[in-house]
Amino acid sequence: MVDARQIFAQASQVQVKSARPEWTQILLQPTIDARNMVMGYVRCEIADLSGELGEQLALAVDELLRNAIEHGCRDSSQCSVEFTYIRTPRMLQFQIKDHGPGFEMNSVAHAAINNPPEEPLRHAHYRTEKGMRPGGFGIMLVKQIADELIYNEAGNEVVLVKYLGAEPSE
């Protein structure tokens, strides 16, 4: 386990709210530098997982953080992002909340997650028409990696759960 307070002690864009090994909570400014620092921390925390699982989780968390910064906060310095990492022997949970306006999942025409089965690249055409960079597969990819991916009603907070070993019985 890594001491979050030590890692972020000199980082003005990151404020540690909780640094317990099983519960870390960080408030960060919506910048690439802050995101990179948090992702460095995440990679250290999940370094004990199998290589493929660790890389997949890092990719998923990075995508969710990027979405919070780019789309939720719209890169505004007036906005902030809360990042919470919870770890138990049976699961990992990443919770990301931006203080932006949120969104409705079915209203993001630029995302592959909303493509109808008969039009798997519809979002790519939309992105081209709007002059957006290629992409739009992020949430769909994260759904493949996560065991649970849950958004709040406002669409500005997401929880990713990954079970370690067998899923707990209900």
N, C-alpha and C. Protein backbone atom coordinates (compact mmCIF):
# COMPACT_ATOMS: atom_id res chain seq x y z
N MET A 1 0.83 -1.18 0.00
CA MET A 1 0.00 0.00 0.00
C MET A 1 0.88 1.25 0.00
N VAL A 2 0.40 2.25 -0.65
CA VAL A 2 1.13 3.50 -0.81
C VAL A 2 0.49 4.56 0.06
N ASP A 3 1.28 5.43 0.67
CA ASP A 3 0.75 6.50 1.50
C ASP A 3 0.39 7.69 0.61
N ALA A 4 -0.90 7.89 0.40
CA ALA A 4 -1.38 8.95 -0.50
C ALA A 4 -0.93 10.34 -0.03
N ARG A 5 -0.91 10.56 1.28
CA ARG A 5 -0.49 11.89 1.77
C ARG A 5 0.94 12.20 1.37
N GLN A 6 1.82 11.19 1.43
CA GLN A 6 3.21 11.41 1.03
C GLN A 6 3.32 11.65 -0.47
N ILE A 7 2.61 10.87 -1.25
CA ILE A 7 2.68 11.00 -2.70
C ILE A 7 2.22 12.39 -3.16
N PHE A 8 1.15 12.88 -2.57
CA PHE A 8 0.57 14.14 -3.03
C PHE A 8 0.94 15.35 -2.16
N ALA A 9 1.90 15.19 -1.26
CA ALA A 9 2.26 16.26 -0.33
C ALA A 9 2.64 17.55 -1.04
N GLN A 10 3.35 17.47 -2.14
CA GLN A 10 3.81 18.66 -2.86
C GLN A 10 2.90 19.05 -4.03
N ALA A 11 1.82 18.36 -4.21
CA ALA A 11 0.94 18.59 -5.35
C ALA A 11 -0.15 19.60 -5.01
N SER A 12 -0.04 20.79 -5.55
CA SER A 12 -1.03 21.84 -5.25
C SER A 12 -2.38 21.57 -5.92
N GLN A 13 -2.41 20.73 -6.95
CA GLN A 13 -3.65 20.44 -7.66
C GLN A 13 -4.42 19.26 -7.07
N VAL A 14 -3.87 18.67 -6.02
CA VAL A 14 -4.48 17.48 -5.43
C VAL A 14 -4.55 17.65 -3.92
N GLN A 15 -5.72 17.39 -3.36
CA GLN A 15 -5.90 17.46 -1.91
C GLN A 15 -6.39 16.10 -1.41
N VAL A 16 -5.67 15.52 -0.47
CA VAL A 16 -6.03 14.22 0.07
C VAL A 16 -7.03 14.42 1.22
N LYS A 17 -8.19 13.80 1.10
CA LYS A 17 -9.24 13.89 2.12
C LYS A 17 -9.19 12.70 3.08
N SER A 18 -8.77 11.54 2.56
CA SER A 18 -8.64 10.33 3.38
C SER A 18 -7.49 9.52 2.80
N ALA A 19 -6.64 9.02 3.68
CA ALA A 19 -5.47 8.26 3.22
C ALA A 19 -5.35 6.92 3.92
N ARG A 20 -6.47 6.34 4.29
CA ARG A 20 -6.43 5.01 4.88
C ARG A 20 -6.13 4.00 3.78
N PRO A 21 -5.40 2.93 4.07
CA PRO A 21 -5.08 1.95 3.02
C PRO A 21 -6.32 1.38 2.33
N GLU A 22 -7.40 1.23 3.08
CA GLU A 22 -8.61 0.67 2.49
C GLU A 22 -9.56 1.74 1.93
N TRP A 23 -9.28 3.03 2.20
CA TRP A 23 -10.17 4.10 1.73
C TRP A 23 -9.35 5.36 1.49
N THR A 24 -9.13 5.65 0.23
CA THR A 24 -8.41 6.87 -0.14
C THR A 24 -9.39 7.77 -0.87
N GLN A 25 -9.42 9.02 -0.48
CA GLN A 25 -10.28 10.00 -1.16
C GLN A 25 -9.45 11.23 -1.48
N ILE A 26 -9.53 11.65 -2.73
CA ILE A 26 -8.72 12.74 -3.23
C ILE A 26 -9.62 13.74 -3.96
N LEU A 27 -9.35 15.01 -3.78
CA LEU A 27 -10.01 16.07 -4.52
C LEU A 27 -8.96 16.64 -5.47
N LEU A 28 -9.27 16.65 -6.76
CA LEU A 28 -8.27 17.13 -7.72
C LEU A 28 -8.84 18.17 -8.66
N GLN A 29 -7.96 19.04 -9.11
CA GLN A 29 -8.31 20.02 -10.12
C GLN A 29 -8.41 19.30 -11.46
N PRO A 30 -9.24 19.78 -12.37
CA PRO A 30 -9.44 19.09 -13.65
C PRO A 30 -8.32 19.41 -14.65
N THR A 31 -7.12 18.91 -14.36
CA THR A 31 -5.98 19.13 -15.24
C THR A 31 -5.34 17.80 -15.60
N ILE A 32 -4.62 17.81 -16.70
CA ILE A 32 -3.91 16.61 -17.13
C ILE A 32 -2.86 16.21 -16.09
N ASP A 33 -2.16 17.21 -15.53
CA ASP A 33 -1.13 16.92 -14.53
C ASP A 33 -1.72 16.23 -13.30
N ALA A 34 -2.84 16.75 -12.81
CA ALA A 34 -3.48 16.15 -11.64
C ALA A 34 -3.96 14.73 -11.97
N ARG A 35 -4.55 14.56 -13.15
CA ARG A 35 -4.99 13.22 -13.56
C ARG A 35 -3.81 12.27 -13.63
N ASN A 36 -2.70 12.72 -14.19
CA ASN A 36 -1.51 11.86 -14.29
C ASN A 36 -0.99 11.47 -12.91
N MET A 37 -1.02 12.40 -11.96
CA MET A 37 -0.57 12.09 -10.60
C MET A 37 -1.48 11.03 -9.96
N VAL A 38 -2.79 11.21 -10.12
CA VAL A 38 -3.73 10.25 -9.55
C VAL A 38 -3.57 8.89 -10.22
N MET A 39 -3.36 8.87 -11.52
CA MET A 39 -3.18 7.59 -12.21
C MET A 39 -1.88 6.92 -11.78
N GLY A 40 -0.83 7.67 -11.50
CA GLY A 40 0.39 7.09 -10.95
C GLY A 40 0.13 6.41 -9.63
N TYR A 41 -0.66 7.08 -8.79
CA TYR A 41 -1.05 6.51 -7.50
C TYR A 41 -1.86 5.22 -7.71
N VAL A 42 -2.84 5.26 -8.62
CA VAL A 42 -3.67 4.08 -8.89
C VAL A 42 -2.81 2.91 -9.34
N ARG A 43 -1.89 3.18 -10.24
CA ARG A 43 -1.02 2.10 -10.74
C ARG A 43 -0.20 1.47 -9.61
N CYS A 44 0.26 2.30 -8.69
CA CYS A 44 0.99 1.76 -7.52
C CYS A 44 0.07 0.90 -6.66
N GLU A 45 -1.14 1.35 -6.45
CA GLU A 45 -2.09 0.64 -5.59
C GLU A 45 -2.51 -0.70 -6.16
N ILE A 46 -2.57 -0.81 -7.47
CA ILE A 46 -3.04 -2.06 -8.07
C ILE A 46 -1.90 -2.87 -8.67
N ALA A 47 -0.67 -2.52 -8.34
CA ALA A 47 0.50 -3.21 -8.88
C ALA A 47 0.56 -4.69 -8.48
N ASP A 48 -0.11 -5.06 -7.41
CA ASP A 48 -0.08 -6.45 -6.96
C ASP A 48 -1.05 -7.35 -7.73
N LEU A 49 -1.90 -6.76 -8.56
CA LEU A 49 -2.84 -7.55 -9.36
C LEU A 49 -2.10 -8.15 -10.56
N SER A 50 -2.69 -9.16 -11.16
CA SER A 50 -2.07 -9.74 -12.36
C SER A 50 -1.89 -8.64 -13.39
N GLY A 51 -0.85 -8.76 -14.19
CA GLY A 51 -0.52 -7.72 -15.16
C GLY A 51 -1.69 -7.28 -16.02
N GLU A 52 -2.40 -8.24 -16.59
CA GLU A 52 -3.51 -7.90 -17.48
C GLU A 52 -4.64 -7.21 -16.72
N LEU A 53 -5.01 -7.72 -15.56
CA LEU A 53 -6.07 -7.11 -14.77
C LEU A 53 -5.68 -5.70 -14.33
N GLY A 54 -4.46 -5.55 -13.87
CA GLY A 54 -4.00 -4.23 -13.45
C GLY A 54 -4.03 -3.23 -14.59
N GLU A 55 -3.58 -3.63 -15.77
CA GLU A 55 -3.58 -2.74 -16.93
C GLU A 55 -5.01 -2.40 -17.35
N GLN A 56 -5.89 -3.38 -17.32
CA GLN A 56 -7.28 -3.13 -17.69
C GLN A 56 -7.93 -2.13 -16.73
N LEU A 57 -7.71 -2.35 -15.43
CA LEU A 57 -8.30 -1.42 -14.45
C LEU A 57 -7.72 -0.02 -14.58
N ALA A 58 -6.42 0.08 -14.81
CA ALA A 58 -5.81 1.40 -14.99
C ALA A 58 -6.42 2.09 -16.21
N LEU A 59 -6.62 1.36 -17.28
CA LEU A 59 -7.24 1.91 -18.48
C LEU A 59 -8.66 2.40 -18.19
N ALA A 60 -9.43 1.59 -17.47
CA ALA A 60 -10.82 1.95 -17.14
C ALA A 60 -10.88 3.18 -16.25
N VAL A 61 -10.07 3.22 -15.21
CA VAL A 61 -10.08 4.37 -14.29
C VAL A 61 -9.62 5.63 -15.02
N ASP A 62 -8.60 5.50 -15.85
CA ASP A 62 -8.12 6.65 -16.62
C ASP A 62 -9.22 7.18 -17.53
N GLU A 63 -9.96 6.32 -18.17
CA GLU A 63 -11.05 6.74 -19.05
C GLU A 63 -12.12 7.50 -18.26
N LEU A 64 -12.49 6.99 -17.09
CA LEU A 64 -13.51 7.65 -16.27
C LEU A 64 -13.01 9.00 -15.75
N LEU A 65 -11.74 9.06 -15.35
CA LEU A 65 -11.18 10.35 -14.92
C LEU A 65 -11.14 11.35 -16.06
N ARG A 66 -10.73 10.90 -17.23
CA ARG A 66 -10.71 11.78 -18.42
C ARG A 66 -12.10 12.33 -18.70
N ASN A 67 -13.11 11.45 -18.65
CA ASN A 67 -14.48 11.89 -18.90
C ASN A 67 -14.90 12.94 -17.89
N ALA A 68 -14.57 12.73 -16.63
CA ALA A 68 -14.95 13.70 -15.59
C ALA A 68 -14.29 15.05 -15.84
N ILE A 69 -13.04 15.02 -16.25
CA ILE A 69 -12.29 16.26 -16.48
C ILE A 69 -12.72 16.94 -17.78
N GLU A 70 -12.73 16.18 -18.88
CA GLU A 70 -13.01 16.76 -20.19
C GLU A 70 -14.48 17.08 -20.41
N HIS A 71 -15.36 16.18 -20.01
CA HIS A 71 -16.78 16.37 -20.29
C HIS A 71 -17.54 16.90 -19.09
N GLY A 72 -17.25 16.39 -17.91
CA GLY A 72 -17.95 16.84 -16.71
C GLY A 72 -17.55 18.25 -16.32
N CYS A 73 -16.27 18.46 -16.16
CA CYS A 73 -15.78 19.80 -15.78
C CYS A 73 -15.49 20.68 -16.98
N ARG A 74 -15.48 20.07 -18.14
CA ARG A 74 -15.17 20.81 -19.38
C ARG A 74 -13.87 21.58 -19.24
N ASP A 75 -12.89 20.94 -18.57
CA ASP A 75 -11.56 21.51 -18.36
C ASP A 75 -11.59 22.85 -17.61
N SER A 76 -12.66 23.13 -16.88
CA SER A 76 -12.80 24.40 -16.16
C SER A 76 -12.07 24.35 -14.82
N SER A 77 -11.25 25.34 -14.56
CA SER A 77 -10.54 25.39 -13.28
C SER A 77 -11.49 25.68 -12.12
N GLN A 78 -12.72 26.10 -12.41
CA GLN A 78 -13.71 26.37 -11.37
C GLN A 78 -14.38 25.09 -10.88
N CYS A 79 -14.11 24.00 -11.54
CA CYS A 79 -14.71 22.71 -11.23
C CYS A 79 -13.67 21.84 -10.52
N SER A 80 -14.11 20.79 -9.86
CA SER A 80 -13.17 19.84 -9.26
C SER A 80 -13.72 18.44 -9.42
N VAL A 81 -12.85 17.46 -9.19
CA VAL A 81 -13.21 16.06 -9.32
C VAL A 81 -12.85 15.36 -8.02
N GLU A 82 -13.78 14.58 -7.50
CA GLU A 82 -13.52 13.76 -6.31
C GLU A 82 -13.23 12.34 -6.79
N PHE A 83 -12.15 11.78 -6.26
CA PHE A 83 -11.75 10.42 -6.61
C PHE A 83 -11.66 9.62 -5.32
N THR A 84 -12.38 8.52 -5.25
CA THR A 84 -12.34 7.65 -4.07
C THR A 84 -11.97 6.24 -4.51
N TYR A 85 -11.03 5.67 -3.78
CA TYR A 85 -10.58 4.30 -4.03
C TYR A 85 -10.79 3.51 -2.74
N ILE A 86 -11.58 2.44 -2.85
CA ILE A 86 -11.86 1.57 -1.70
C ILE A 86 -11.41 0.16 -2.07
N ARG A 87 -10.69 -0.46 -1.14
CA ARG A 87 -10.20 -1.82 -1.41
C ARG A 87 -10.48 -2.70 -0.21
N THR A 88 -11.09 -3.84 -0.49
CA THR A 88 -11.28 -4.88 0.51
C THR A 88 -10.60 -6.13 -0.04
N PRO A 89 -10.50 -7.17 0.77
CA PRO A 89 -9.90 -8.40 0.23
C PRO A 89 -10.67 -8.98 -0.96
N ARG A 90 -11.97 -8.64 -1.10
CA ARG A 90 -12.78 -9.22 -2.17
C ARG A 90 -13.11 -8.28 -3.33
N MET A 91 -12.82 -6.98 -3.19
CA MET A 91 -13.20 -6.10 -4.29
C MET A 91 -12.42 -4.79 -4.27
N LEU A 92 -12.41 -4.15 -5.44
CA LEU A 92 -11.89 -2.80 -5.60
C LEU A 92 -13.05 -1.93 -6.05
N GLN A 93 -13.11 -0.72 -5.52
CA GLN A 93 -14.14 0.22 -5.95
C GLN A 93 -13.48 1.56 -6.24
N PHE A 94 -13.80 2.11 -7.38
CA PHE A 94 -13.34 3.44 -7.76
C PHE A 94 -14.58 4.29 -7.95
N GLN A 95 -14.63 5.42 -7.28
CA GLN A 95 -15.78 6.32 -7.40
C GLN A 95 -15.24 7.66 -7.85
N ILE A 96 -15.83 8.19 -8.91
CA ILE A 96 -15.38 9.45 -9.47
C ILE A 96 -16.58 10.37 -9.62
N LYS A 97 -16.46 11.55 -9.06
CA LYS A 97 -17.55 12.54 -9.13
C LYS A 97 -16.98 13.86 -9.60
N ASP A 98 -17.56 14.38 -10.67
CA ASP A 98 -17.18 15.73 -11.07
C ASP A 98 -18.27 16.69 -10.62
N HIS A 99 -17.92 17.93 -10.47
CA HIS A 99 -18.88 18.93 -10.00
C HIS A 99 -19.46 19.73 -11.17
N GLY A 100 -19.53 19.05 -12.32
CA GLY A 100 -20.13 19.63 -13.51
C GLY A 100 -21.62 19.32 -13.56
N PRO A 101 -22.26 19.66 -14.68
CA PRO A 101 -23.72 19.52 -14.79
C PRO A 101 -24.22 18.09 -14.96
N GLY A 102 -23.34 17.15 -15.30
CA GLY A 102 -23.77 15.76 -15.51
C GLY A 102 -24.29 15.55 -16.92
N PHE A 103 -24.81 14.34 -17.17
CA PHE A 103 -25.34 14.00 -18.48
C PHE A 103 -26.25 12.79 -18.34
N GLU A 104 -27.03 12.54 -19.39
CA GLU A 104 -27.85 11.34 -19.44
C GLU A 104 -27.17 10.38 -20.41
N MET A 105 -26.97 9.17 -20.00
CA MET A 105 -26.24 8.19 -20.80
C MET A 105 -26.80 8.06 -22.22
N ASN A 106 -28.12 8.05 -22.35
CA ASN A 106 -28.70 7.85 -23.68
C ASN A 106 -28.64 9.10 -24.55
N SER A 107 -28.11 10.21 -24.03
CA SER A 107 -28.04 11.43 -24.81
C SER A 107 -26.65 11.70 -25.38
N VAL A 108 -25.71 10.78 -25.22
CA VAL A 108 -24.36 10.99 -25.73
C VAL A 108 -24.21 10.28 -27.07
N ALA A 109 -24.63 10.98 -28.11
CA ALA A 109 -24.61 10.41 -29.46
C ALA A 109 -23.19 10.16 -29.95
N HIS A 110 -22.21 10.80 -29.32
CA HIS A 110 -20.82 10.63 -29.74
C HIS A 110 -20.16 9.41 -29.12
N ALA A 111 -20.91 8.61 -28.35
CA ALA A 111 -20.34 7.45 -27.67
C ALA A 111 -20.87 6.14 -28.27
N ALA A 112 -19.98 5.18 -28.44
CA ALA A 112 -20.33 3.89 -29.03
C ALA A 112 -21.34 3.13 -28.19
N ILE A 113 -21.40 3.43 -26.91
CA ILE A 113 -22.30 2.71 -26.00
C ILE A 113 -23.76 2.84 -26.44
N ASN A 114 -24.07 3.90 -27.20
CA ASN A 114 -25.45 4.14 -27.63
C ASN A 114 -25.70 3.75 -29.10
N ASN A 115 -24.74 3.11 -29.74
CA ASN A 115 -24.95 2.66 -31.11
C ASN A 115 -25.96 1.52 -31.13
N PRO A 116 -26.89 1.56 -32.09
CA PRO A 116 -27.77 0.39 -32.23
C PRO A 116 -26.96 -0.78 -32.80
N PRO A 117 -27.33 -2.01 -32.51
CA PRO A 117 -26.55 -3.17 -32.99
C PRO A 117 -26.34 -3.18 -34.50
N GLU A 118 -27.33 -2.68 -35.23
CA GLU A 118 -27.21 -2.70 -36.70
C GLU A 118 -26.33 -1.56 -37.24
N GLU A 119 -25.94 -0.61 -36.37
CA GLU A 119 -25.07 0.50 -36.76
C GLU A 119 -23.93 0.66 -35.76
N PRO A 120 -22.96 -0.27 -35.73
CA PRO A 120 -21.92 -0.24 -34.71
C PRO A 120 -20.97 0.97 -34.78
N LEU A 121 -20.97 1.68 -35.90
CA LEU A 121 -20.09 2.85 -36.04
C LEU A 121 -20.85 4.16 -36.18
N ARG A 122 -22.13 4.16 -35.80
CA ARG A 122 -22.93 5.39 -35.92
C ARG A 122 -22.27 6.56 -35.21
N HIS A 123 -21.72 6.33 -34.03
CA HIS A 123 -21.10 7.42 -33.27
C HIS A 123 -19.91 8.02 -34.02
N ALA A 124 -19.19 7.20 -34.79
CA ALA A 124 -18.03 7.70 -35.54
C ALA A 124 -18.46 8.71 -36.60
N HIS A 125 -19.57 8.44 -37.25
CA HIS A 125 -20.10 9.38 -38.25
C HIS A 125 -20.52 10.68 -37.56
N TYR A 126 -21.16 10.56 -36.43
CA TYR A 126 -21.57 11.74 -35.66
C TYR A 126 -20.35 12.58 -35.28
N ARG A 127 -19.31 11.92 -34.79
CA ARG A 127 -18.09 12.62 -34.38
C ARG A 127 -17.44 13.34 -35.55
N THR A 128 -17.43 12.71 -36.71
CA THR A 128 -16.87 13.33 -37.91
C THR A 128 -17.67 14.57 -38.29
N GLU A 129 -18.99 14.45 -38.29
CA GLU A 129 -19.86 15.58 -38.63
C GLU A 129 -19.66 16.77 -37.69
N LYS A 130 -19.41 16.48 -36.41
CA LYS A 130 -19.26 17.54 -35.41
C LYS A 130 -17.82 18.03 -35.26
N GLY A 131 -16.89 17.44 -36.03
CA GLY A 131 -15.49 17.84 -35.96
C GLY A 131 -14.79 17.36 -34.69
N MET A 132 -15.30 16.29 -34.11
CA MET A 132 -14.70 15.74 -32.89
C MET A 132 -13.58 14.78 -33.26
N ARG A 133 -12.61 14.61 -32.34
CA ARG A 133 -11.53 13.67 -32.56
C ARG A 133 -12.10 12.25 -32.60
N PRO A 134 -11.41 11.31 -33.26
CA PRO A 134 -11.87 9.92 -33.26
C PRO A 134 -11.94 9.39 -31.83
N GLY A 135 -12.82 8.47 -31.58
CA GLY A 135 -12.96 7.89 -30.25
C GLY A 135 -14.39 7.52 -29.98
N GLY A 136 -14.78 7.59 -28.72
CA GLY A 136 -16.15 7.30 -28.34
C GLY A 136 -16.38 5.88 -27.85
N PHE A 137 -15.30 5.11 -27.72
CA PHE A 137 -15.44 3.73 -27.26
C PHE A 137 -15.19 3.57 -25.77
N GLY A 138 -14.86 4.65 -25.06
CA GLY A 138 -14.43 4.58 -23.68
C GLY A 138 -15.37 3.90 -22.72
N ILE A 139 -16.62 4.36 -22.65
CA ILE A 139 -17.56 3.78 -21.68
C ILE A 139 -17.85 2.33 -22.03
N MET A 140 -17.94 2.04 -23.32
CA MET A 140 -18.18 0.66 -23.74
C MET A 140 -17.02 -0.24 -23.28
N LEU A 141 -15.80 0.24 -23.41
CA LEU A 141 -14.63 -0.51 -22.97
C LEU A 141 -14.65 -0.69 -21.45
N VAL A 142 -14.94 0.38 -20.72
CA VAL A 142 -14.99 0.31 -19.25
C VAL A 142 -16.03 -0.71 -18.81
N LYS A 143 -17.18 -0.76 -19.47
CA LYS A 143 -18.22 -1.74 -19.12
C LYS A 143 -17.73 -3.17 -19.28
N GLN A 144 -16.83 -3.40 -20.24
CA GLN A 144 -16.27 -4.73 -20.45
C GLN A 144 -15.30 -5.12 -19.34
N ILE A 145 -14.63 -4.14 -18.76
CA ILE A 145 -13.62 -4.38 -17.72
C ILE A 145 -14.25 -4.50 -16.33
N ALA A 146 -15.21 -3.64 -16.05
CA ALA A 146 -15.83 -3.57 -14.73
C ALA A 146 -16.79 -4.73 -14.50
N ASP A 147 -16.91 -5.14 -13.25
CA ASP A 147 -17.97 -6.08 -12.89
C ASP A 147 -19.27 -5.32 -12.67
N GLU A 148 -19.15 -4.11 -12.18
CA GLU A 148 -20.31 -3.24 -11.98
C GLU A 148 -19.89 -1.83 -12.39
N LEU A 149 -20.73 -1.13 -13.12
CA LEU A 149 -20.50 0.26 -13.49
C LEU A 149 -21.82 0.98 -13.32
N ILE A 150 -21.86 1.88 -12.35
CA ILE A 150 -23.12 2.51 -11.97
C ILE A 150 -22.95 4.02 -11.99
N TYR A 151 -23.87 4.72 -12.68
CA TYR A 151 -23.88 6.18 -12.70
C TYR A 151 -25.01 6.68 -11.82
N ASN A 152 -24.81 7.82 -11.17
CA ASN A 152 -25.90 8.41 -10.41
C ASN A 152 -26.90 9.05 -11.36
N GLU A 153 -28.03 9.48 -10.83
CA GLU A 153 -29.10 10.03 -11.65
C GLU A 153 -28.67 11.27 -12.43
N ALA A 154 -27.87 12.13 -11.81
CA ALA A 154 -27.42 13.35 -12.48
C ALA A 154 -26.40 13.07 -13.58
N GLY A 155 -25.72 11.92 -13.52
CA GLY A 155 -24.73 11.58 -14.52
C GLY A 155 -23.38 12.24 -14.29
N ASN A 156 -23.14 12.71 -13.06
CA ASN A 156 -21.84 13.33 -12.77
C ASN A 156 -21.04 12.51 -11.75
N GLU A 157 -21.49 11.30 -11.49
CA GLU A 157 -20.78 10.44 -10.54
C GLU A 157 -20.90 9.00 -11.02
N VAL A 158 -19.78 8.28 -10.95
CA VAL A 158 -19.76 6.90 -11.42
C VAL A 158 -19.01 6.04 -10.41
N VAL A 159 -19.46 4.80 -10.27
CA VAL A 159 -18.80 3.83 -9.41
C VAL A 159 -18.43 2.63 -10.28
N LEU A 160 -17.16 2.24 -10.22
CA LEU A 160 -16.67 1.05 -10.90
C LEU A 160 -16.29 0.05 -9.81
N VAL A 161 -16.83 -1.15 -9.90
CA VAL A 161 -16.51 -2.21 -8.95
C VAL A 161 -15.87 -3.37 -9.72
N LYS A 162 -14.78 -3.87 -9.16
CA LYS A 162 -14.12 -5.07 -9.71
C LYS A 162 -13.97 -6.05 -8.56
N TYR A 163 -14.55 -7.25 -8.72
CA TYR A 163 -14.45 -8.27 -7.69
C TYR A 163 -13.14 -9.03 -7.86
N LEU A 164 -12.53 -9.35 -6.75
CA LEU A 164 -11.29 -10.12 -6.75
C LEU A 164 -11.65 -11.55 -6.37
N GLY A 165 -11.53 -12.47 -7.29
CA GLY A 165 -11.94 -13.85 -7.02
C GLY A 165 -13.43 -13.98 -7.23
N ALA A 166 -14.04 -14.82 -6.43
CA ALA A 166 -15.47 -15.07 -6.58
C ALA A 166 -16.27 -13.88 -6.09
N GLU A 167 -17.34 -13.61 -6.79
CA GLU A 167 -18.26 -12.53 -6.40
C GLU A 167 -18.97 -12.96 -5.12
N PRO A 168 -19.12 -12.05 -4.15
CA PRO A 168 -19.79 -12.42 -2.91
C PRO A 168 -21.23 -12.88 -3.17
N SER A 169 -21.69 -13.84 -2.38
CA SER A 169 -23.07 -14.32 -2.55
C SER A 169 -24.02 -13.30 -1.96
N GLU A 170 -25.23 -13.31 -2.47
CA GLU A 170 -26.24 -12.32 -2.04
C GLU A 170 -26.94 -12.77 -0.80
